[in-house]
Every structure is written in C-alpha cells, then in structure tokens.
C-alpha atoms as a PDB file:
ATOM      1  CA  MET A   1      37.716   3.544  93.221  1.00  0.00           C
ATOM      2  CA  ASP A   2      37.525   2.826  89.488  1.00  0.00           C
ATOM      3  CA  SER A   3      40.324   1.137  87.615  1.00  0.00           C
ATOM      4  CA  GLY A   4      42.463   3.413  85.611  1.00  0.00           C
ATOM      5  CA  THR A   5      43.455   0.750  83.027  1.00  0.00           C
ATOM      6  CA  VAL A   6      41.690  -0.144  79.748  1.00  0.00           C
ATOM      7  CA  PRO A   7      40.295  -3.685  79.733  1.00  0.00           C
ATOM      8  CA  ARG A   8      41.738  -5.942  77.138  1.00  0.00           C
ATOM      9  CA  THR A   9      39.132  -7.365  74.673  1.00  0.00           C
ATOM     10  CA  VAL A  10      39.181 -11.113  74.105  1.00  0.00           C
ATOM     11  CA  PRO A  11      36.758 -13.686  72.690  1.00  0.00           C
ATOM     12  CA  VAL A  12      35.532 -16.237  75.188  1.00  0.00           C
ATOM     13  CA  ASP A  13      37.857 -18.988  73.949  1.00  0.00           C
ATOM     14  CA  ARG A  14      40.883 -16.811  74.611  1.00  0.00           C
ATOM     15  CA  MET A  15      40.194 -16.215  78.305  1.00  0.00           C
ATOM     16  CA  ALA A  16      42.980 -17.397  80.537  1.00  0.00           C
ATOM     17  CA  SER A  17      42.671 -19.240  83.887  1.00  0.00           C
ATOM     18  CA  GLY A  18      41.945 -16.643  86.562  1.00  0.00           C
ATOM     19  CA  ASP A  19      40.616 -14.077  84.248  1.00  0.00           C
ATOM     20  CA  HIS A  20      37.892 -11.725  85.554  1.00  0.00           C
ATOM     21  CA  ALA A  21      35.840 -10.617  82.641  1.00  0.00           C
ATOM     22  CA  CYS A  22      32.875  -8.239  82.094  1.00  0.00           C
ATOM     23  CA  LEU A  23      30.307  -9.277  79.452  1.00  0.00           C
ATOM     24  CA  GLY A  24      28.053  -6.561  78.088  1.00  0.00           C
ATOM     25  CA  PHE A  25      25.210  -7.864  75.993  1.00  0.00           C
ATOM     26  CA  ALA A  26      22.031  -6.500  74.372  1.00  0.00           C
ATOM     27  CA  ASP A  27      20.573  -9.727  72.907  1.00  0.00           C
ATOM     28  CA  GLU A  28      19.724 -12.976  74.766  1.00  0.00           C
ATOM     29  CA  ASP A  29      20.890 -15.193  71.990  1.00  0.00           C
ATOM     30  CA  ALA A  30      24.285 -13.671  71.882  1.00  0.00           C
ATOM     31  CA  ARG A  31      24.620 -14.052  75.670  1.00  0.00           C
ATOM     32  CA  TRP A  32      23.763 -17.679  75.461  1.00  0.00           C
ATOM     33  CA  GLU A  33      26.309 -18.269  72.718  1.00  0.00           C
ATOM     34  CA  VAL A  34      28.970 -16.879  75.103  1.00  0.00           C
ATOM     35  CA  ARG A  35      27.543 -19.041  77.980  1.00  0.00           C
ATOM     36  CA  ALA A  36      27.574 -22.181  75.833  1.00  0.00           C
ATOM     37  CA  ALA A  37      31.172 -21.626  74.658  1.00  0.00           C
ATOM     38  CA  PHE A  38      32.347 -20.727  78.250  1.00  0.00           C
ATOM     39  CA  THR A  39      30.621 -23.850  79.627  1.00  0.00           C
ATOM     40  CA  ALA A  40      31.914 -26.184  76.910  1.00  0.00           C
ATOM     41  CA  ILE A  41      35.465 -24.953  77.188  1.00  0.00           C
ATOM     42  CA  GLY A  42      35.336 -25.492  81.070  1.00  0.00           C
ATOM     43  CA  LEU A  43      34.008 -29.008  80.699  1.00  0.00           C
ATOM     44  CA  ALA A  44      36.486 -29.924  78.110  1.00  0.00           C
ATOM     45  CA  ARG A  45      39.296 -28.687  80.384  1.00  0.00           C
ATOM     46  CA  GLY A  46      37.958 -30.820  83.250  1.00  0.00           C
ATOM     47  CA  GLU A  47      36.889 -27.819  85.240  1.00  0.00           C
ATOM     48  CA  ARG A  48      33.711 -27.438  87.284  1.00  0.00           C
ATOM     49  CA  VAL A  49      31.264 -24.839  85.819  1.00  0.00           C
ATOM     50  CA  LEU A  50      28.904 -22.709  87.939  1.00  0.00           C
ATOM     51  CA  LEU A  51      26.206 -20.816  85.996  1.00  0.00           C
ATOM     52  CA  PHE A  52      24.140 -18.269  87.814  1.00  0.00           C
ATOM     53  CA  SER A  53      21.527 -17.922  85.242  1.00  0.00           C
ATOM     54  CA  GLY A  54      19.271 -15.204  86.820  1.00  0.00           C
ATOM     55  CA  ARG A  55      15.907 -15.066  88.326  1.00  0.00           C
ATOM     56  CA  GLY A  56      14.076 -15.297  85.029  1.00  0.00           C
ATOM     57  CA  THR A  57      15.887 -18.494  83.849  1.00  0.00           C
ATOM     58  CA  PRO A  58      15.180 -21.657  85.830  1.00  0.00           C
ATOM     59  CA  PRO A  59      17.835 -24.441  85.554  1.00  0.00           C
ATOM     60  CA  ALA A  60      15.740 -26.640  83.268  1.00  0.00           C
ATOM     61  CA  GLU A  61      15.478 -23.758  80.705  1.00  0.00           C
ATOM     62  CA  ALA A  62      19.176 -23.092  81.022  1.00  0.00           C
ATOM     63  CA  VAL A  63      19.876 -26.858  80.242  1.00  0.00           C
ATOM     64  CA  GLY A  64      17.670 -26.571  77.215  1.00  0.00           C
ATOM     65  CA  ARG A  65      19.375 -23.485  75.977  1.00  0.00           C
ATOM     66  CA  LEU A  66      22.856 -24.970  76.366  1.00  0.00           C
ATOM     67  CA  THR A  67      21.843 -28.333  74.793  1.00  0.00           C
ATOM     68  CA  ALA A  68      20.468 -26.454  71.740  1.00  0.00           C
ATOM     69  CA  LEU A  69      23.863 -24.925  71.341  1.00  0.00           C
ATOM     70  CA  GLY A  70      25.725 -28.190  71.395  1.00  0.00           C
ATOM     71  CA  VAL A  71      26.565 -28.538  75.131  1.00  0.00           C
ATOM     72  CA  ARG A  72      25.893 -31.897  76.782  1.00  0.00           C
ATOM     73  CA  ALA A  73      24.452 -29.957  79.717  1.00  0.00           C
ATOM     74  CA  ALA A  74      22.017 -32.582  81.132  1.00  0.00           C
ATOM     75  CA  GLU A  75      24.805 -35.161  81.414  1.00  0.00           C
ATOM     76  CA  ALA A  76      27.176 -32.529  82.939  1.00  0.00           C
ATOM     77  CA  VAL A  77      24.540 -31.568  85.550  1.00  0.00           C
ATOM     78  CA  ARG A  78      23.977 -35.214  86.422  1.00  0.00           C
ATOM     79  CA  ARG A  79      27.627 -35.764  87.325  1.00  0.00           C
ATOM     80  CA  GLY A  80      27.970 -32.447  89.086  1.00  0.00           C
ATOM     81  CA  ALA A  81      30.390 -30.858  86.574  1.00  0.00           C
ATOM     82  CA  LEU A  82      27.765 -28.168  85.728  1.00  0.00           C
ATOM     83  CA  VAL A  83      25.894 -26.488  88.542  1.00  0.00           C
ATOM     84  CA  ILE A  84      23.173 -24.121  87.527  1.00  0.00           C
ATOM     85  CA  THR A  85      21.168 -21.856  89.887  1.00  0.00           C
ATOM     86  CA  PRO A  86      19.022 -18.779  89.223  1.00  0.00           C
ATOM     87  CA  LEU A  87      20.468 -16.766  92.027  1.00  0.00           C
ATOM     88  CA  VAL A  88      23.830 -15.727  93.389  1.00  0.00           C
ATOM     89  CA  PRO A  89      23.280 -16.473  97.091  1.00  0.00           C
ATOM     90  CA  GLY A  90      26.132 -14.669  98.880  1.00  0.00           C
ATOM     91  CA  TYR A  91      28.983 -15.929  96.778  1.00  0.00           C
ATOM     92  CA  ASP A  92      30.534 -12.495  96.859  1.00  0.00           C
ATOM     93  CA  SER A  93      33.332 -12.918  99.364  1.00  0.00           C
ATOM     94  CA  ALA A  94      36.979 -14.121  98.956  1.00  0.00           C
ATOM     95  CA  ALA A  95      36.294 -16.890 101.550  1.00  0.00           C
ATOM     96  CA  ALA A  96      33.195 -18.208  99.681  1.00  0.00           C
ATOM     97  CA  TRP A  97      35.021 -18.439  96.361  1.00  0.00           C
ATOM     98  CA  SER A  98      38.009 -20.047  97.985  1.00  0.00           C
ATOM     99  CA  ALA A  99      35.755 -22.622  99.583  1.00  0.00           C
ATOM    100  CA  LEU A 100      34.023 -23.283  96.165  1.00  0.00           C
ATOM    101  CA  THR A 101      37.335 -23.705  94.466  1.00  0.00           C
ATOM    102  CA  ASP A 102      38.665 -26.065  97.254  1.00  0.00           C
ATOM    103  CA  THR A 103      35.507 -28.094  96.807  1.00  0.00           C
ATOM    104  CA  ALA A 104      35.977 -28.448  92.990  1.00  0.00           C
ATOM    105  CA  HIS A 105      39.551 -29.563  93.504  1.00  0.00           C
ATOM    106  CA  ARG A 106      38.595 -32.024  96.211  1.00  0.00           C
ATOM    107  CA  LEU A 107      36.005 -33.514  93.839  1.00  0.00           C
ATOM    108  CA  GLY A 108      38.686 -34.070  91.242  1.00  0.00           C
ATOM    109  CA  TYR A 109      38.162 -31.072  88.972  1.00  0.00           C
ATOM    110  CA  ARG A 110      41.128 -29.250  87.546  1.00  0.00           C
ATOM    111  CA  GLY A 111      39.654 -25.901  88.511  1.00  0.00           C
ATOM    112  CA  LEU A 112      36.509 -23.799  88.671  1.00  0.00           C
ATOM    113  CA  ARG A 113      34.883 -21.235  86.375  1.00  0.00           C
ATOM    114  CA  ALA A 114      31.661 -19.221  86.978  1.00  0.00           C
ATOM    115  CA  ALA A 115      29.401 -16.976  84.923  1.00  0.00           C
ATOM    116  CA  GLY A 116      26.783 -14.921  86.564  1.00  0.00           C
ATOM    117  CA  ASP A 117      23.907 -12.708  85.600  1.00  0.00           C
ATOM    118  CA  MET A 118      24.339  -9.234  87.347  1.00  0.00           C
ATOM    119  CA  SER A 119      20.706  -8.148  87.360  1.00  0.00           C
ATOM    120  CA  TRP A 120      20.576  -8.431  91.146  1.00  0.00           C
ATOM    121  CA  ALA A 121      22.697  -5.231  91.083  1.00  0.00           C
ATOM    122  CA  LEU A 122      19.573  -3.401  89.786  1.00  0.00           C
ATOM    123  CA  ARG A 123      17.893  -3.675  93.158  1.00  0.00           C
ATOM    124  CA  PRO A 124      16.733  -0.294  94.700  1.00  0.00           C
ATOM    125  CA  GLY A 125      19.204   1.278  96.958  1.00  0.00           C
ATOM    126  CA  LEU A 126      22.325  -0.352  95.594  1.00  0.00           C
ATOM    127  CA  ASP A 127      25.542   1.362  96.575  1.00  0.00           C
ATOM    128  CA  ARG A 128      27.062   1.810  93.078  1.00  0.00           C
ATOM    129  CA  ASP A 129      30.584   2.746  94.591  1.00  0.00           C
ATOM    130  CA  ARG A 130      30.426  -0.402  96.570  1.00  0.00           C
ATOM    131  CA  LEU A 131      29.530  -2.560  93.511  1.00  0.00           C
ATOM    132  CA  VAL A 132      32.352  -1.074  91.403  1.00  0.00           C
ATOM    133  CA  GLY A 133      34.811  -1.442  94.267  1.00  0.00           C
ATOM    134  CA  HIS A 134      33.776  -5.040  94.741  1.00  0.00           C
ATOM    135  CA  GLU A 135      34.315  -5.901  91.158  1.00  0.00           C
ATOM    136  CA  ALA A 136      37.792  -4.210  91.171  1.00  0.00           C
ATOM    137  CA  ALA A 137      38.747  -6.089  94.354  1.00  0.00           C
ATOM    138  CA  MET A 138      37.697  -9.459  93.051  1.00  0.00           C
ATOM    139  CA  THR A 139      40.138  -9.447  90.287  1.00  0.00           C
ATOM    140  CA  GLN A 140      43.132 -10.279  92.560  1.00  0.00           C
ATOM    141  CA  VAL A 141      41.162 -12.844  94.498  1.00  0.00           C
ATOM    142  CA  LEU A 142      40.035 -14.666  91.350  1.00  0.00           C
ATOM    143  CA  ALA A 143      43.534 -14.623  89.799  1.00  0.00           C
ATOM    144  CA  GLY A 144      44.959 -16.061  92.995  1.00  0.00           C
ATOM    145  CA  LEU A 145      42.526 -18.842  92.962  1.00  0.00           C
ATOM    146  CA  GLY A 146      42.810 -19.485  89.166  1.00  0.00           C
ATOM    147  CA  LEU A 147      39.043 -19.149  89.029  1.00  0.00           C
ATOM    148  CA  THR A 148      37.784 -17.858  85.606  1.00  0.00           C
ATOM    149  CA  ALA A 149      34.780 -15.688  85.983  1.00  0.00           C
ATOM    150  CA  VAL A 150      32.344 -13.746  83.719  1.00  0.00           C
ATOM    151  CA  CYS A 151      30.070 -10.963  85.261  1.00  0.00           C
ATOM    152  CA  GLU A 152      27.127 -10.429  82.753  1.00  0.00           C
ATOM    153  CA  TYR A 153      25.615  -6.979  82.475  1.00  0.00           C
ATOM    154  CA  ASP A 154      22.559  -6.358  80.273  1.00  0.00           C
ATOM    155  CA  GLN A 155      23.188  -3.194  78.385  1.00  0.00           C
ATOM    156  CA  ARG A 156      19.505  -2.626  77.930  1.00  0.00           C
ATOM    157  CA  ARG A 157      18.970  -2.450  81.725  1.00  0.00           C
ATOM    158  CA  PHE A 158      21.987  -0.837  83.211  1.00  0.00           C
ATOM    159  CA  HIS A 159      22.710   2.864  82.931  1.00  0.00           C
ATOM    160  CA  ALA A 160      25.591   3.762  80.533  1.00  0.00           C
ATOM    161  CA  THR A 161      27.432   5.485  83.353  1.00  0.00           C
ATOM    162  CA  LEU A 162      27.421   2.530  85.626  1.00  0.00           C
ATOM    163  CA  LEU A 163      28.298   0.213  82.740  1.00  0.00           C
ATOM    164  CA  ALA A 164      31.352   2.256  81.907  1.00  0.00           C
ATOM    165  CA  ARG A 165      32.463   2.021  85.535  1.00  0.00           C
ATOM    166  CA  VAL A 166      32.025  -1.753  85.926  1.00  0.00           C
ATOM    167  CA  ARG A 167      33.703  -2.248  82.573  1.00  0.00           C
ATOM    168  CA  ALA A 168      36.832  -0.298  83.816  1.00  0.00           C
ATOM    169  CA  ALA A 169      36.849  -2.297  87.017  1.00  0.00           C
ATOM    170  CA  HIS A 170      37.439  -5.507  85.073  1.00  0.00           C
ATOM    171  CA  PRO A 171      40.740  -6.366  83.409  1.00  0.00           C
ATOM    172  CA  VAL A 172      38.997  -8.243  80.574  1.00  0.00           C
ATOM    173  CA  TRP A 173      36.114  -7.044  78.357  1.00  0.00           C
ATOM    174  CA  LEU A 174      34.262 -10.002  76.829  1.00  0.00           C
ATOM    175  CA  ARG A 175      31.884  -8.940  74.102  1.00  0.00           C
ATOM    176  CA  ALA A 176      28.939 -10.893  73.024  1.00  0.00           C
ATOM    177  CA  PRO A 177      29.134 -11.894  69.356  1.00  0.00           C
ATOM    178  CA  SER A 178      26.752  -9.800  67.204  1.00  0.00           C
ATOM    179  CA  GLY A 179      28.130 -10.593  63.690  1.00  0.00           C
ATOM    180  CA  ALA A 180      26.621  -7.406  62.421  1.00  0.00           C
ATOM    181  CA  LEU A 181      26.712  -3.571  62.411  1.00  0.00           C
ATOM    182  CA  HIS A 182      23.638  -1.504  62.184  1.00  0.00           C
ATOM    183  CA  VAL A 183      23.855   2.088  61.053  1.00  0.00           C
ATOM    184  CA  GLU A 184      20.785   4.280  61.179  1.00  0.00           C
ATOM    185  CA  ARG A 185      20.213   8.030  60.811  1.00  0.00           C
ATOM    186  CA  HIS A 186      17.576   9.960  62.626  1.00  0.00           C
ATOM    187  CA  GLY A 187      17.733  13.588  61.575  1.00  0.00           C
ATOM    188  CA  GLY A 188      21.032  14.886  62.596  1.00  0.00           C
ATOM    189  CA  THR A 189      21.996  11.846  64.645  1.00  0.00           C
ATOM    190  CA  LEU A 190      23.834   8.923  63.344  1.00  0.00           C
ATOM    191  CA  VAL A 191      23.199   5.839  65.617  1.00  0.00           C
ATOM    192  CA  LEU A 192      25.535   2.734  65.376  1.00  0.00           C
ATOM    193  CA  SER A 193      24.910  -0.504  67.107  1.00  0.00           C
ATOM    194  CA  GLY A 194      26.409  -3.983  67.029  1.00  0.00           C
ATOM    195  CA  ASP A 195      30.182  -4.192  66.673  1.00  0.00           C
ATOM    196  CA  ALA A 196      32.759  -2.164  64.645  1.00  0.00           C
ATOM    197  CA  ASP A 197      35.564  -4.611  64.044  1.00  0.00           C
ATOM    198  CA  LEU A 198      37.426  -6.561  61.427  1.00  0.00           C
ATOM    199  CA  ALA A 199      34.190  -8.403  60.342  1.00  0.00           C
ATOM    200  CA  THR A 200      32.220  -5.200  59.943  1.00  0.00           C
ATOM    201  CA  ARG A 201      34.793  -2.606  58.857  1.00  0.00           C
ATOM    202  CA  THR A 202      33.392  -2.356  55.278  1.00  0.00           C
ATOM    203  CA  ASP A 203      29.887  -1.724  56.519  1.00  0.00           C
ATOM    204  CA  PHE A 204      31.326   0.851  59.045  1.00  0.00           C
ATOM    205  CA  GLU A 205      33.273   2.714  56.353  1.00  0.00           C
ATOM    206  CA  VAL A 206      30.330   2.752  53.848  1.00  0.00           C
ATOM    207  CA  GLY A 207      27.941   3.815  56.567  1.00  0.00           C
ATOM    208  CA  LEU A 208      30.034   6.776  57.593  1.00  0.00           C
ATOM    209  CA  ARG A 209      31.054   7.724  54.104  1.00  0.00           C
ATOM    210  CA  HIS A 210      27.312   7.947  53.110  1.00  0.00           C
ATOM    211  CA  ALA A 211      26.361   9.764  56.293  1.00  0.00           C
ATOM    212  CA  PHE A 212      29.072  12.424  56.117  1.00  0.00           C
ATOM    213  CA  GLY A 213      28.575  12.883  52.347  1.00  0.00           C
ATOM    214  CA  SER A 214      24.832  13.061  52.487  1.00  0.00           C
ATOM    215  CA  PRO A 215      22.963  15.862  50.590  1.00  0.00           C
ATOM    216  CA  ALA A 216      21.370  16.646  53.981  1.00  0.00           C
ATOM    217  CA  GLY A 217      24.650  17.387  55.450  1.00  0.00           C
ATOM    218  CA  PRO A 218      26.956  15.436  57.840  1.00  0.00           C
ATOM    219  CA  PRO A 219      25.524  14.229  61.109  1.00  0.00           C
ATOM    220  CA  ARG A 220      25.771  16.582  64.137  1.00  0.00           C
ATOM    221  CA  VAL A 221      25.827  13.664  66.655  1.00  0.00           C
ATOM    222  CA  VAL A 222      27.308  10.096  66.260  1.00  0.00           C
ATOM    223  CA  ASP A 223      25.829   7.865  68.940  1.00  0.00           C
ATOM    224  CA  LEU A 224      28.030   4.964  69.737  1.00  0.00           C
ATOM    225  CA  THR A 225      26.323   4.009  73.129  1.00  0.00           C
ATOM    226  CA  GLY A 226      24.752   0.954  71.427  1.00  0.00           C
ATOM    227  CA  LEU A 227      28.103  -0.252  69.942  1.00  0.00           C
ATOM    228  CA  GLY A 228      29.468  -3.153  71.851  1.00  0.00           C
ATOM    229  CA  PHE A 229      32.993  -2.726  70.525  1.00  0.00           C
ATOM    230  CA  ILE A 230      35.024  -0.430  68.277  1.00  0.00           C
ATOM    231  CA  ASP A 231      38.456  -1.317  67.023  1.00  0.00           C
ATOM    232  CA  ALA A 232      41.273   1.142  66.416  1.00  0.00           C
ATOM    233  CA  HIS A 233      40.839   1.035  62.571  1.00  0.00           C
ATOM    234  CA  CYS A 234      37.133   2.048  62.861  1.00  0.00           C
ATOM    235  CA  ALA A 235      37.948   4.712  65.353  1.00  0.00           C
ATOM    236  CA  ALA A 236      40.488   6.221  63.009  1.00  0.00           C
ATOM    237  CA  VAL A 237      37.891   6.169  60.137  1.00  0.00           C
ATOM    238  CA  LEU A 238      35.466   8.162  62.337  1.00  0.00           C
ATOM    239  CA  ILE A 239      38.235  10.622  63.404  1.00  0.00           C
ATOM    240  CA  ARG A 240      39.147  11.148  59.718  1.00  0.00           C
ATOM    241  CA  HIS A 241      35.514  12.034  58.789  1.00  0.00           C
ATOM    242  CA  ALA A 242      35.316  14.490  61.698  1.00  0.00           C
ATOM    243  CA  ALA A 243      38.653  16.128  60.630  1.00  0.00           C
ATOM    244  CA  SER A 244      37.241  16.615  57.152  1.00  0.00           C
ATOM    245  CA  LEU A 245      34.485  18.839  58.190  1.00  0.00           C
ATOM    246  CA  GLY A 246      34.639  22.486  57.134  1.00  0.00           C
ATOM    247  CA  PRO A 247      35.545  25.332  59.463  1.00  0.00           C
ATOM    248  CA  ALA A 248      32.061  25.621  60.718  1.00  0.00           C
ATOM    249  CA  GLY A 249      31.518  21.863  61.108  1.00  0.00           C
ATOM    250  CA  ARG A 250      31.428  20.011  64.344  1.00  0.00           C
ATOM    251  CA  VAL A 251      30.379  16.587  65.353  1.00  0.00           C
ATOM    252  CA  THR A 252      29.570  15.330  68.894  1.00  0.00           C
ATOM    253  CA  VAL A 253      30.359  11.634  69.547  1.00  0.00           C
ATOM    254  CA  ARG A 254      28.319  10.171  72.311  1.00  0.00           C
ATOM    255  CA  CYS A 255      29.984   7.076  73.626  1.00  0.00           C
ATOM    256  CA  PRO A 256      30.870   5.015  76.737  1.00  0.00           C
ATOM    257  CA  ARG A 257      34.254   5.608  78.393  1.00  0.00           C
ATOM    258  CA  LEU A 258      35.778   2.505  76.912  1.00  0.00           C
ATOM    259  CA  HIS A 259      35.146   3.734  73.429  1.00  0.00           C
ATOM    260  CA  ALA A 260      36.289   7.230  74.309  1.00  0.00           C
ATOM    261  CA  ARG A 261      39.592   5.777  75.327  1.00  0.00           C
ATOM    262  CA  THR A 262      40.052   4.065  72.042  1.00  0.00           C
ATOM    263  CA  LEU A 263      39.120   7.247  70.083  1.00  0.00           C
ATOM    264  CA  ARG A 264      41.622   9.311  72.162  1.00  0.00           C
ATOM    265  CA  LEU A 265      44.442   6.767  71.677  1.00  0.00           C
ATOM    266  CA  CYS A 266      43.680   7.166  67.869  1.00  0.00           C
ATOM    267  CA  GLY A 267      44.011  10.905  67.982  1.00  0.00           C
ATOM    268  CA  ALA A 268      40.537  12.345  68.781  1.00  0.00           C
ATOM    269  CA  ALA A 269      41.936  15.099  70.909  1.00  0.00           C
ATOM    270  CA  GLU A 270      43.885  16.470  67.920  1.00  0.00           C
ATOM    271  CA  VAL A 271      40.598  17.167  65.982  1.00  0.00           C
ATOM    272  CA  PRO A 272      38.973  20.264  67.438  1.00  0.00           C
ATOM    273  CA  ARG A 273      35.769  19.580  65.336  1.00  0.00           C
ATOM    274  CA  LEU A 274      35.131  16.384  67.342  1.00  0.00           C
ATOM    275  CA  VAL A 275      33.703  16.496  70.819  1.00  0.00           C
ATOM    276  CA  LEU A 276      33.378  13.463  72.920  1.00  0.00           C
ATOM    277  CA  LEU A 277      30.410  13.224  75.266  1.00  0.00           C
ATOM    278  CA  VAL A 278      30.926  10.519  77.787  1.00  0.00           C
ATOM    279  CA  PRO A 279      28.448   9.758  80.546  1.00  0.00           C
ATOM    280  CA  GLY A 280      29.992  10.088  83.941  1.00  0.00           C
ATOM    281  CA  GLU A 281      32.913  12.239  82.837  1.00  0.00           C
ATOM    282  CA  GLY A 282      32.864  15.617  84.505  1.00  0.00           C
ATOM    283  CA  ASP A 283      30.249  14.564  87.075  1.00  0.00           C
END
C-alpha cells in the first residue's frame, strides 16, 4: 500500500500545479512561513486558496499570522480568494475536491490550492493503512484536477513509523525551513536536528568531526529522527566517518525511511560498521 518511490524535495516556491506534498514540521513559526509563502504564491497566480488551519487555530488568528508574514490575508478573505477553516469537514473524496475545483473556476479563479493540518488523523482508532492508502490515491486525483495541495504533519505528535509511511505516499516532500542545524551529544548518542543541507554543511561536517574525534570515543548511535532533511553530501560525510572506525568500531544510525534511502543511495550498505535502524522496517 505504501509508495515505493522516493519523494522529491522542493521548496514551497518550486511546487508545480497539481503537486501533492507532505510537509513535516517541528516548529509552528516554520510551518507558518510555509503557509504564508504557499498562500501568497496562490493569490499572486490568481488561484483560490483553502487553508484548513486545525482545531487550535481559529480563522482570526490565522489571518493575523499570515498578515504578520506579509500576506494581505484580511483582504483576500473578504473577496473570497482565501478561505480559512479550522476543520477538514469531509473534503476527502475525489468528488468533493472536483466540486471545489469547479467552484473556483466558476468564480473566475485560475485554479485551487489547499493546505491542511493533519492532526485529525491522530484520533483514536484511526486505520493507518487506510490513511496511507488514501494519501497515495489522492496524488493522481489532485494531479488530474491541477489542484496543488500540502498535507501538514507535526513531527512532534506523529509516530516516526507513520510519518515515514505518509512521506513515502506523497510524490513531494516539502520541508519547513529551519535555517539551522543542532548537534548535541548525550553520552554515546549524537543527536542531530534541523536540516543538513547546503546552508548547514559546514556545521554538519564540524559537528561530526568533533564527535568522531572526541577523546571520549566516537558515538555509538547517531540519531537523525529529528532531522528534517539530509542531502547527499552530508549523507556521504556521515558514511565516511563510519567507514573510518577501527575493526572493533560500529555506529548505529537511527533515522526515518526517507533518510535511510538517501544513505543507501550514497553507499551505506557498503560500510559494514554502519547499521541503519529504521522504524517500521522489518515489522
């Protein structure tokens, strides 16, 4: 039921019409930066924007958040170009999305885009297979309608195993901007959070060099579960450090499935001293 493809990672301003993206976030400010950019782009393109803000965020608060980030949200709401509601009331079928898209076109908009908080999926008794299957099935529906959508998953609330599955069910991975990389050591565990990409490569390289060259010895575990993104360069740096361990050395990398794929593509399987521990694999 899960997709076998690796989602492509794009910034919000590079999303194409009809893209179905998964946004993983661990910070509200970062999520609202993405929401503001997503909304502003849609309004500039003459599209109608639907924002399902979640139960904890009433429309007035959402308007204030967007306004503070430079979006003329109040005006857009008044003319109907921006529709904000806390809930996702049954807009989960192809027929419903088709009707919403038709309405947008009938009102003179060039298209429709929607972003929605997925915390409703945390309700007790949720069928996880059904959720993942629904996410995968919606990709073709949205592409056919030209409806651009973002499904927002709070990484602090969703289990890593389910997050890995819903990421794989989307063709696009839209990461929230963090602008920083945090490296902390707790005993034998090295914990990384934020993003490991072009902007943070130097911090990543320095952090790993210090950790693996520490007088206390190299880390036994590298925890990447709090890392929003890791690019191929940083993955290769981590693999080189693992390969440099002595004959008795071994490091376990705890990471989501998406990061494991990047590490494997960069040669992790060729390093016997590196063990990937991925939630959900082997279950």
